[in-house]
Amino acid sequence: MREVRAGGGTAMTRYGTAASILLILLLVYAAVMFFPSFAGFAGDGPMVPTAVVALLTWGGFSVLTLHGLRRALAVRRGEENRFDATVFWTKTLSLIGALLSIVTAFAFGFGAFASCGPVWLSGLYHWVGLVGSMLCFGAWFAAPYLAREYAGEAGQRVERPGWGRLVVVGAVVYGLWAVAWLVGWMVLRGSIDAGTYPTAAKSPYQLPYPEGQRSWVIQGNNSHFNHKGDEEFAWDFRRQCGTPVLAARAGTVVDVEDGFEGNGKGKKNNFVEVKHDDGTVAKYLHIQTGSAKVKPGDTVQQGDALAEVGNVGNSLTGHIHFVVEKGGDSIPVTFQDVDEDKGIPRTFEHYASAK
């Protein structure tokens, strides 16, 4: 006779329902990773192969999860001989999902970052992958408890993982994640002495991208990477390639180069240079090949389109490298539309233009 639990239904039916719900949630999560990956085909460079691998990875995971779900649904219908297979697949798929999430967060996240294409895709891979890995590890830990709770006598022989194992895995995985971000932040953040900058309220500069749009600062002033020396007071604003680069301040265009292609160390750069009425020169680097909207001698107003964002020269991803120079040396400036941080954009922060 089948064991009956309080609340109606057999123990196996209740377990099959619980296991099915867990596996359906894994399928939904896989879909969140799978379908947005098609956006990667709009990019170039590493983004396209990254999207292909992501589709194969999460598509394959979905097929395996459907395989496990069939067994869980069979148990729900009363096929108790499928119990052991269902326990195996709920645990195994949860663990596989956690491991694939970590690969997605770092490998796929970087592949989508180091490209021109949708800027949100790398963030989705990274942050959803990290949160998803936590949930999948939790499901892996909880799966045996579901069996012991709902499957009656048969569930009591399912081995439960110890808390120590979960703590160790979590400490190693997310400790390394925290260290990676901390090292990146320390290398790129720079050291800012706000007292050496002009007051933001009187600044003649605004952020060099369209009104209301937010950009992430990859690298700020005086970093330990390559914003130092003559380039000490430069910013890298991450932007999607092909979007407008706008004049941060009115002036006269003095030099334009948009004929170079390719990115990487040693590659030549594209740029627009605009001279202001006080003799300073703003430089907008890494513009897209053939995208310049202005030529030397043109007068531009604040907010006028100069070119389009690119990934040309010594560049890893689509972004605007912005710097103001006087006598060939970079100088500290602030932005009137940056309300926080005394008008000085900081590394790893997001800022919206107020044009």
Protein backbone atom coordinates (compact mmCIF):
# COMPACT_ATOMS: atom_id res chain seq x y z
CA MET A 1 0.00 0.00 0.00
CA ARG A 2 1.27 3.45 -0.85
CA GLU A 3 2.16 5.71 2.01
CA VAL A 4 -0.31 8.56 2.44
CA ARG A 5 0.67 11.92 3.94
CA ALA A 6 -1.59 14.34 5.73
CA GLY A 7 -3.11 16.82 3.31
CA GLY A 8 -4.03 14.20 0.69
CA GLY A 9 -2.13 12.36 -2.01
CA THR A 10 0.65 9.83 -1.77
CA ALA A 11 4.08 10.78 -0.48
CA MET A 12 5.59 10.05 -3.89
CA THR A 13 3.03 12.25 -5.62
CA ARG A 14 3.88 15.10 -3.29
CA TYR A 15 7.58 14.59 -3.84
CA GLY A 16 7.10 14.42 -7.61
CA THR A 17 5.25 17.75 -7.46
CA ALA A 18 8.01 19.40 -5.41
CA ALA A 19 10.78 18.06 -7.67
CA SER A 20 8.85 19.14 -10.78
CA ILE A 21 8.54 22.69 -9.46
CA LEU A 22 12.28 22.84 -8.74
CA LEU A 23 13.14 21.62 -12.24
CA ILE A 24 10.65 24.00 -13.87
CA LEU A 25 12.35 26.87 -12.02
CA LEU A 26 15.69 25.68 -13.42
CA LEU A 27 14.12 25.70 -16.91
CA VAL A 28 12.88 29.27 -16.42
CA TYR A 29 16.35 30.33 -15.29
CA ALA A 30 17.93 28.64 -18.32
CA ALA A 31 15.50 30.55 -20.56
CA VAL A 32 16.61 33.84 -18.95
CA MET A 33 20.16 33.00 -20.02
CA PHE A 34 19.28 31.43 -23.38
CA PHE A 35 16.98 33.88 -25.16
CA PRO A 36 18.86 37.15 -24.45
CA SER A 37 21.99 35.51 -25.90
CA PHE A 38 20.55 36.02 -29.39
CA ALA A 39 21.22 39.75 -28.89
CA GLY A 40 24.93 38.91 -29.04
CA PHE A 41 24.67 38.44 -32.81
CA ALA A 42 24.21 42.21 -33.09
CA GLY A 43 27.72 42.67 -31.75
CA ASP A 44 31.15 41.87 -33.12
CA GLY A 45 34.48 40.44 -32.02
CA PRO A 46 34.26 38.02 -29.07
CA MET A 47 30.57 38.78 -28.47
CA VAL A 48 29.36 36.64 -31.37
CA PRO A 49 31.22 33.41 -30.46
CA THR A 50 30.33 34.07 -26.82
CA ALA A 51 26.65 34.20 -27.78
CA VAL A 52 26.98 30.97 -29.77
CA VAL A 53 28.61 29.12 -26.86
CA ALA A 54 26.03 30.54 -24.42
CA LEU A 55 23.18 29.33 -26.61
CA LEU A 56 24.70 25.86 -26.87
CA THR A 57 25.45 25.76 -23.14
CA TRP A 58 22.05 26.86 -21.86
CA GLY A 59 20.20 25.07 -24.66
CA GLY A 60 21.94 21.84 -23.69
CA PHE A 61 21.18 22.45 -20.03
CA SER A 62 17.50 22.96 -20.91
CA VAL A 63 17.41 19.61 -22.74
CA LEU A 64 18.91 17.84 -19.72
CA THR A 65 16.46 19.59 -17.41
CA LEU A 66 13.52 18.47 -19.55
CA HIS A 67 14.92 14.95 -19.30
CA GLY A 68 14.90 15.20 -15.51
CA LEU A 69 11.46 16.86 -15.48
CA ARG A 70 9.96 13.89 -17.34
CA ARG A 71 11.04 11.64 -14.51
CA ALA A 72 9.75 13.98 -11.82
CA LEU A 73 6.37 14.18 -13.55
CA ALA A 74 6.30 10.40 -13.79
CA VAL A 75 6.82 10.19 -10.02
CA ARG A 76 4.04 12.73 -9.58
CA ARG A 77 1.76 10.40 -11.56
CA GLY A 78 2.62 7.58 -9.17
CA GLU A 79 5.50 5.81 -10.96
CA GLU A 80 7.55 5.15 -7.84
CA ASN A 81 10.25 3.29 -9.81
CA ARG A 82 11.34 6.70 -11.14
CA PHE A 83 12.08 8.03 -7.65
CA ASP A 84 15.84 7.33 -7.56
CA ALA A 85 16.34 8.83 -11.03
CA THR A 86 14.40 11.95 -10.01
CA VAL A 87 16.52 12.43 -6.90
CA PHE A 88 19.65 12.06 -9.01
CA TRP A 89 18.54 14.57 -11.64
CA THR A 90 17.31 17.22 -9.22
CA LYS A 91 20.64 17.18 -7.39
CA THR A 92 22.82 16.86 -10.48
CA LEU A 93 21.03 19.49 -12.56
CA SER A 94 21.10 21.97 -9.69
CA LEU A 95 24.86 21.50 -9.35
CA ILE A 96 25.40 21.71 -13.12
CA GLY A 97 23.31 24.90 -13.19
CA ALA A 98 25.46 26.42 -10.46
CA LEU A 99 28.71 25.58 -12.28
CA LEU A 100 27.42 26.83 -15.64
CA SER A 101 26.26 30.02 -13.93
CA ILE A 102 29.78 30.70 -12.68
CA VAL A 103 31.22 30.10 -16.16
CA THR A 104 28.55 32.40 -17.57
CA ALA A 105 29.22 35.14 -15.02
CA PHE A 106 32.94 35.32 -15.71
CA ALA A 107 33.78 33.81 -19.11
CA PHE A 108 30.63 34.80 -21.00
CA GLY A 109 30.39 38.08 -19.13
CA PHE A 110 33.91 39.02 -20.19
CA GLY A 111 33.38 37.82 -23.77
CA ALA A 112 30.31 40.04 -24.11
CA PHE A 113 32.14 42.95 -22.47
CA ALA A 114 35.22 42.83 -24.71
CA SER A 115 33.26 43.74 -27.82
CA CYS A 116 31.00 46.18 -29.54
CA GLY A 117 27.36 45.25 -29.11
CA PRO A 118 24.54 45.46 -26.54
CA VAL A 119 26.17 46.77 -23.37
CA TRP A 120 23.55 45.13 -21.13
CA LEU A 121 24.40 41.59 -22.21
CA SER A 122 27.65 41.32 -20.25
CA GLY A 123 25.87 42.66 -17.17
CA LEU A 124 23.11 40.10 -17.55
CA TYR A 125 25.61 37.26 -17.89
CA HIS A 126 27.64 38.45 -14.92
CA TRP A 127 25.07 39.50 -12.34
CA VAL A 128 22.27 37.09 -13.21
CA GLY A 129 24.87 34.34 -13.44
CA LEU A 130 26.18 35.09 -9.97
CA VAL A 131 22.72 35.32 -8.39
CA GLY A 132 21.65 32.22 -10.32
CA SER A 133 24.66 30.29 -9.09
CA MET A 134 23.68 31.04 -5.50
CA LEU A 135 20.13 29.86 -6.12
CA CYS A 136 21.33 26.72 -7.92
CA PHE A 137 23.74 25.88 -5.10
CA GLY A 138 20.82 26.35 -2.73
CA ALA A 139 18.68 24.01 -4.86
CA TRP A 140 21.50 21.44 -4.93
CA PHE A 141 21.65 21.56 -1.14
CA ALA A 142 17.86 21.50 -0.74
CA ALA A 143 17.09 18.70 -3.24
CA PRO A 144 17.84 15.79 -0.85
CA TYR A 145 15.81 17.50 1.88
CA LEU A 146 12.83 17.66 -0.46
CA ALA A 147 13.07 13.90 -0.91
CA ARG A 148 13.36 13.27 2.83
CA GLU A 149 10.48 15.64 3.58
CA TYR A 150 7.98 14.52 0.94
CA ALA A 151 8.91 11.02 -0.22
CA GLY A 152 8.07 9.22 2.98
CA GLU A 153 10.06 6.10 3.87
CA ALA A 154 11.87 6.00 0.53
CA GLY A 155 13.14 9.52 1.08
CA GLN A 156 14.78 8.66 4.39
CA ARG A 157 17.56 6.78 2.60
CA VAL A 158 18.57 9.86 0.58
CA GLU A 159 21.85 11.23 1.84
CA ARG A 160 21.79 14.84 2.96
CA PRO A 161 24.78 17.10 2.27
CA GLY A 162 26.38 18.67 5.31
CA TRP A 163 26.21 22.40 5.92
CA GLY A 164 29.99 22.48 5.93
CA ARG A 165 30.13 21.52 2.26
CA LEU A 166 27.82 24.37 1.28
CA VAL A 167 29.74 26.88 3.38
CA VAL A 168 33.09 25.83 1.91
CA VAL A 169 31.81 25.99 -1.68
CA GLY A 170 30.22 29.37 -1.07
CA ALA A 171 33.30 30.80 0.63
CA VAL A 172 35.62 29.69 -2.17
CA VAL A 173 33.42 30.70 -5.12
CA TYR A 174 32.13 34.02 -3.85
CA GLY A 175 35.33 34.86 -2.02
CA LEU A 176 37.19 34.62 -5.34
CA TRP A 177 34.46 36.70 -7.01
CA ALA A 178 34.82 39.43 -4.36
CA VAL A 179 38.61 39.39 -4.66
CA ALA A 180 38.40 39.73 -8.48
CA TRP A 181 36.16 42.79 -8.21
CA LEU A 182 38.26 44.29 -5.42
CA VAL A 183 41.47 43.93 -7.41
CA GLY A 184 39.83 45.45 -10.50
CA TRP A 185 38.48 48.35 -8.47
CA MET A 186 41.84 49.00 -6.79
CA VAL A 187 43.67 48.98 -10.14
CA LEU A 188 41.18 51.19 -11.98
CA ARG A 189 39.71 53.45 -9.29
CA GLY A 190 42.58 55.93 -8.99
CA SER A 191 43.26 58.40 -6.22
CA ILE A 192 41.12 61.55 -6.30
CA ASP A 193 42.04 64.77 -4.48
CA ALA A 194 38.79 66.70 -4.94
CA GLY A 195 40.46 69.90 -3.76
CA THR A 196 42.48 70.13 -6.97
CA TYR A 197 39.33 70.16 -9.16
CA PRO A 198 37.24 73.22 -10.08
CA THR A 199 33.75 73.58 -8.59
CA ALA A 200 31.17 71.52 -10.48
CA ALA A 201 28.49 74.23 -10.30
CA LYS A 202 30.64 76.54 -12.44
CA SER A 203 31.94 73.84 -14.77
CA PRO A 204 31.54 74.47 -18.52
CA TYR A 205 31.48 70.69 -19.18
CA GLN A 206 28.65 68.22 -19.44
CA LEU A 207 28.85 64.45 -19.93
CA PRO A 208 29.56 63.58 -23.60
CA TYR A 209 26.49 61.42 -24.30
CA PRO A 210 22.75 62.01 -24.83
CA GLU A 211 20.33 63.39 -22.26
CA GLY A 212 19.02 60.99 -19.64
CA GLN A 213 21.33 58.14 -20.65
CA ARG A 214 23.51 56.53 -18.01
CA SER A 215 27.04 55.29 -18.50
CA TRP A 216 29.31 53.19 -16.36
CA VAL A 217 32.78 54.57 -15.67
CA ILE A 218 35.20 51.77 -16.46
CA GLN A 219 38.24 53.77 -15.40
CA GLY A 220 38.50 57.17 -13.74
CA ASN A 221 41.26 59.66 -13.03
CA ASN A 222 44.74 58.83 -11.77
CA SER A 223 44.34 55.05 -11.92
CA HIS A 224 47.01 52.43 -11.43
CA PHE A 225 46.37 51.14 -14.96
CA ASN A 226 46.84 53.58 -17.88
CA HIS A 227 45.17 56.81 -16.73
CA LYS A 228 48.35 58.30 -15.37
CA GLY A 229 51.09 60.67 -16.45
CA ASP A 230 49.87 62.81 -19.35
CA GLU A 231 46.52 60.96 -19.23
CA GLU A 232 46.02 61.27 -15.47
CA PHE A 233 42.73 63.19 -15.70
CA ALA A 234 40.97 60.98 -18.26
CA TRP A 235 37.71 59.02 -18.06
CA ASP A 236 36.43 55.92 -19.87
CA PHE A 237 32.64 56.00 -20.20
CA ARG A 238 31.32 52.64 -21.39
CA ARG A 239 28.87 53.10 -24.25
CA GLN A 240 27.33 50.97 -26.97
CA CYS A 241 29.16 51.28 -30.26
CA GLY A 242 27.33 53.42 -32.80
CA THR A 243 25.71 55.71 -30.22
CA PRO A 244 26.48 59.46 -30.35
CA VAL A 245 29.56 61.12 -28.93
CA LEU A 246 28.49 64.67 -28.01
CA ALA A 247 30.54 67.80 -27.42
CA ALA A 248 31.01 68.29 -23.69
CA ARG A 249 31.73 71.99 -24.27
CA ALA A 250 31.44 74.47 -27.12
CA GLY A 251 34.54 75.08 -29.23
CA THR A 252 36.27 74.68 -32.56
CA VAL A 253 37.26 71.35 -34.05
CA VAL A 254 41.03 71.28 -34.55
CA ASP A 255 41.71 67.66 -35.53
CA VAL A 256 39.78 64.57 -36.64
CA GLU A 257 40.85 61.01 -37.38
CA ASP A 258 38.33 58.28 -38.13
CA GLY A 259 40.11 56.15 -40.71
CA PHE A 260 41.70 53.50 -38.51
CA GLU A 261 40.18 50.09 -37.78
CA GLY A 262 40.73 47.34 -35.25
CA ASN A 263 41.47 47.32 -31.56
CA GLY A 264 44.22 46.04 -29.32
CA LYS A 265 47.66 46.97 -28.15
CA GLY A 266 49.58 48.89 -30.82
CA LYS A 267 46.48 49.67 -32.91
CA LYS A 268 46.13 53.31 -34.03
CA ASN A 269 43.36 55.39 -32.55
CA ASN A 270 40.50 57.44 -33.96
CA PHE A 271 39.58 60.73 -32.30
CA VAL A 272 38.04 64.19 -32.42
CA GLU A 273 39.76 67.17 -30.80
CA VAL A 274 37.89 70.37 -29.89
CA LYS A 275 39.63 73.57 -28.76
CA HIS A 276 37.83 75.82 -26.28
CA ASP A 277 37.98 79.59 -25.87
CA ASP A 278 40.37 79.32 -22.90
CA GLY A 279 42.96 77.39 -24.93
CA THR A 280 42.14 73.96 -23.50
CA VAL A 281 41.51 71.02 -25.84
CA ALA A 282 39.02 68.19 -25.25
CA LYS A 283 39.85 64.85 -26.82
CA TYR A 284 37.27 62.19 -27.61
CA LEU A 285 39.02 58.89 -28.44
CA HIS A 286 38.16 55.43 -29.86
CA ILE A 287 35.44 56.75 -32.19
CA GLN A 288 33.96 54.36 -34.75
CA THR A 289 35.61 54.12 -38.16
CA GLY A 290 34.10 56.59 -40.62
CA SER A 291 31.71 58.05 -38.05
CA ALA A 292 33.00 61.63 -37.67
CA LYS A 293 30.26 64.24 -38.06
CA VAL A 294 32.62 67.20 -38.02
CA LYS A 295 35.84 68.37 -39.69
CA PRO A 296 38.68 70.69 -38.63
CA GLY A 297 37.53 74.30 -38.52
CA ASP A 298 33.92 73.51 -37.63
CA THR A 299 32.37 75.33 -34.68
CA VAL A 300 30.39 73.13 -32.33
CA GLN A 301 28.03 73.88 -29.47
CA GLN A 302 27.71 71.90 -26.29
CA GLY A 303 25.68 68.77 -27.04
CA ASP A 304 26.41 68.71 -30.79
CA ALA A 305 27.16 65.28 -32.28
CA LEU A 306 30.87 64.81 -33.02
CA ALA A 307 31.04 61.13 -33.98
CA GLU A 308 29.86 57.68 -32.89
CA VAL A 309 31.20 55.50 -30.12
CA GLY A 310 33.68 52.87 -31.28
CA ASN A 311 36.19 50.31 -30.08
CA VAL A 312 39.22 51.37 -32.09
CA GLY A 313 42.84 51.62 -30.98
CA ASN A 314 44.09 50.54 -27.56
CA SER A 315 40.58 49.64 -26.46
CA LEU A 316 38.82 46.61 -25.01
CA THR A 317 35.17 47.58 -25.36
CA GLY A 318 32.93 50.29 -26.78
CA HIS A 319 33.55 53.48 -24.80
CA ILE A 320 34.33 57.18 -24.89
CA HIS A 321 37.79 58.07 -23.65
CA PHE A 322 37.43 61.72 -22.64
CA VAL A 323 40.25 64.00 -21.50
CA VAL A 324 40.90 67.76 -21.44
CA GLU A 325 44.43 68.99 -22.01
CA LYS A 326 46.29 72.26 -21.71
CA GLY A 327 49.76 72.55 -23.17
CA GLY A 328 49.76 68.81 -23.87
CA ASP A 329 49.06 67.78 -20.26
CA SER A 330 45.70 66.56 -18.96
CA ILE A 331 44.00 68.85 -16.46
CA PRO A 332 41.33 68.19 -13.79
CA VAL A 333 37.79 69.14 -14.80
CA THR A 334 34.32 68.53 -13.41
CA PHE A 335 30.89 68.05 -15.00
CA GLN A 336 27.97 70.30 -14.17
CA ASP A 337 25.47 67.45 -14.64
CA VAL A 338 27.21 65.12 -12.19
CA ASP A 339 25.38 65.96 -8.97
CA GLU A 340 27.23 63.52 -6.75
CA ASP A 341 30.93 63.01 -6.03
CA LYS A 342 31.58 66.77 -6.36
CA GLY A 343 31.11 66.55 -10.12
CA ILE A 344 33.98 64.07 -10.56
CA PRO A 345 32.87 60.72 -12.07
CA ARG A 346 34.34 57.80 -10.14
CA THR A 347 35.35 54.32 -11.27
CA PHE A 348 32.59 51.66 -11.34
CA GLU A 349 29.83 54.24 -10.80
CA HIS A 350 27.00 55.16 -13.19
CA TYR A 351 26.18 58.72 -14.23
CA ALA A 352 23.28 60.16 -16.24
CA SER A 353 23.69 63.08 -18.61
CA ALA A 354 21.38 66.03 -17.97
CA LYS A 355 21.48 67.65 -21.42
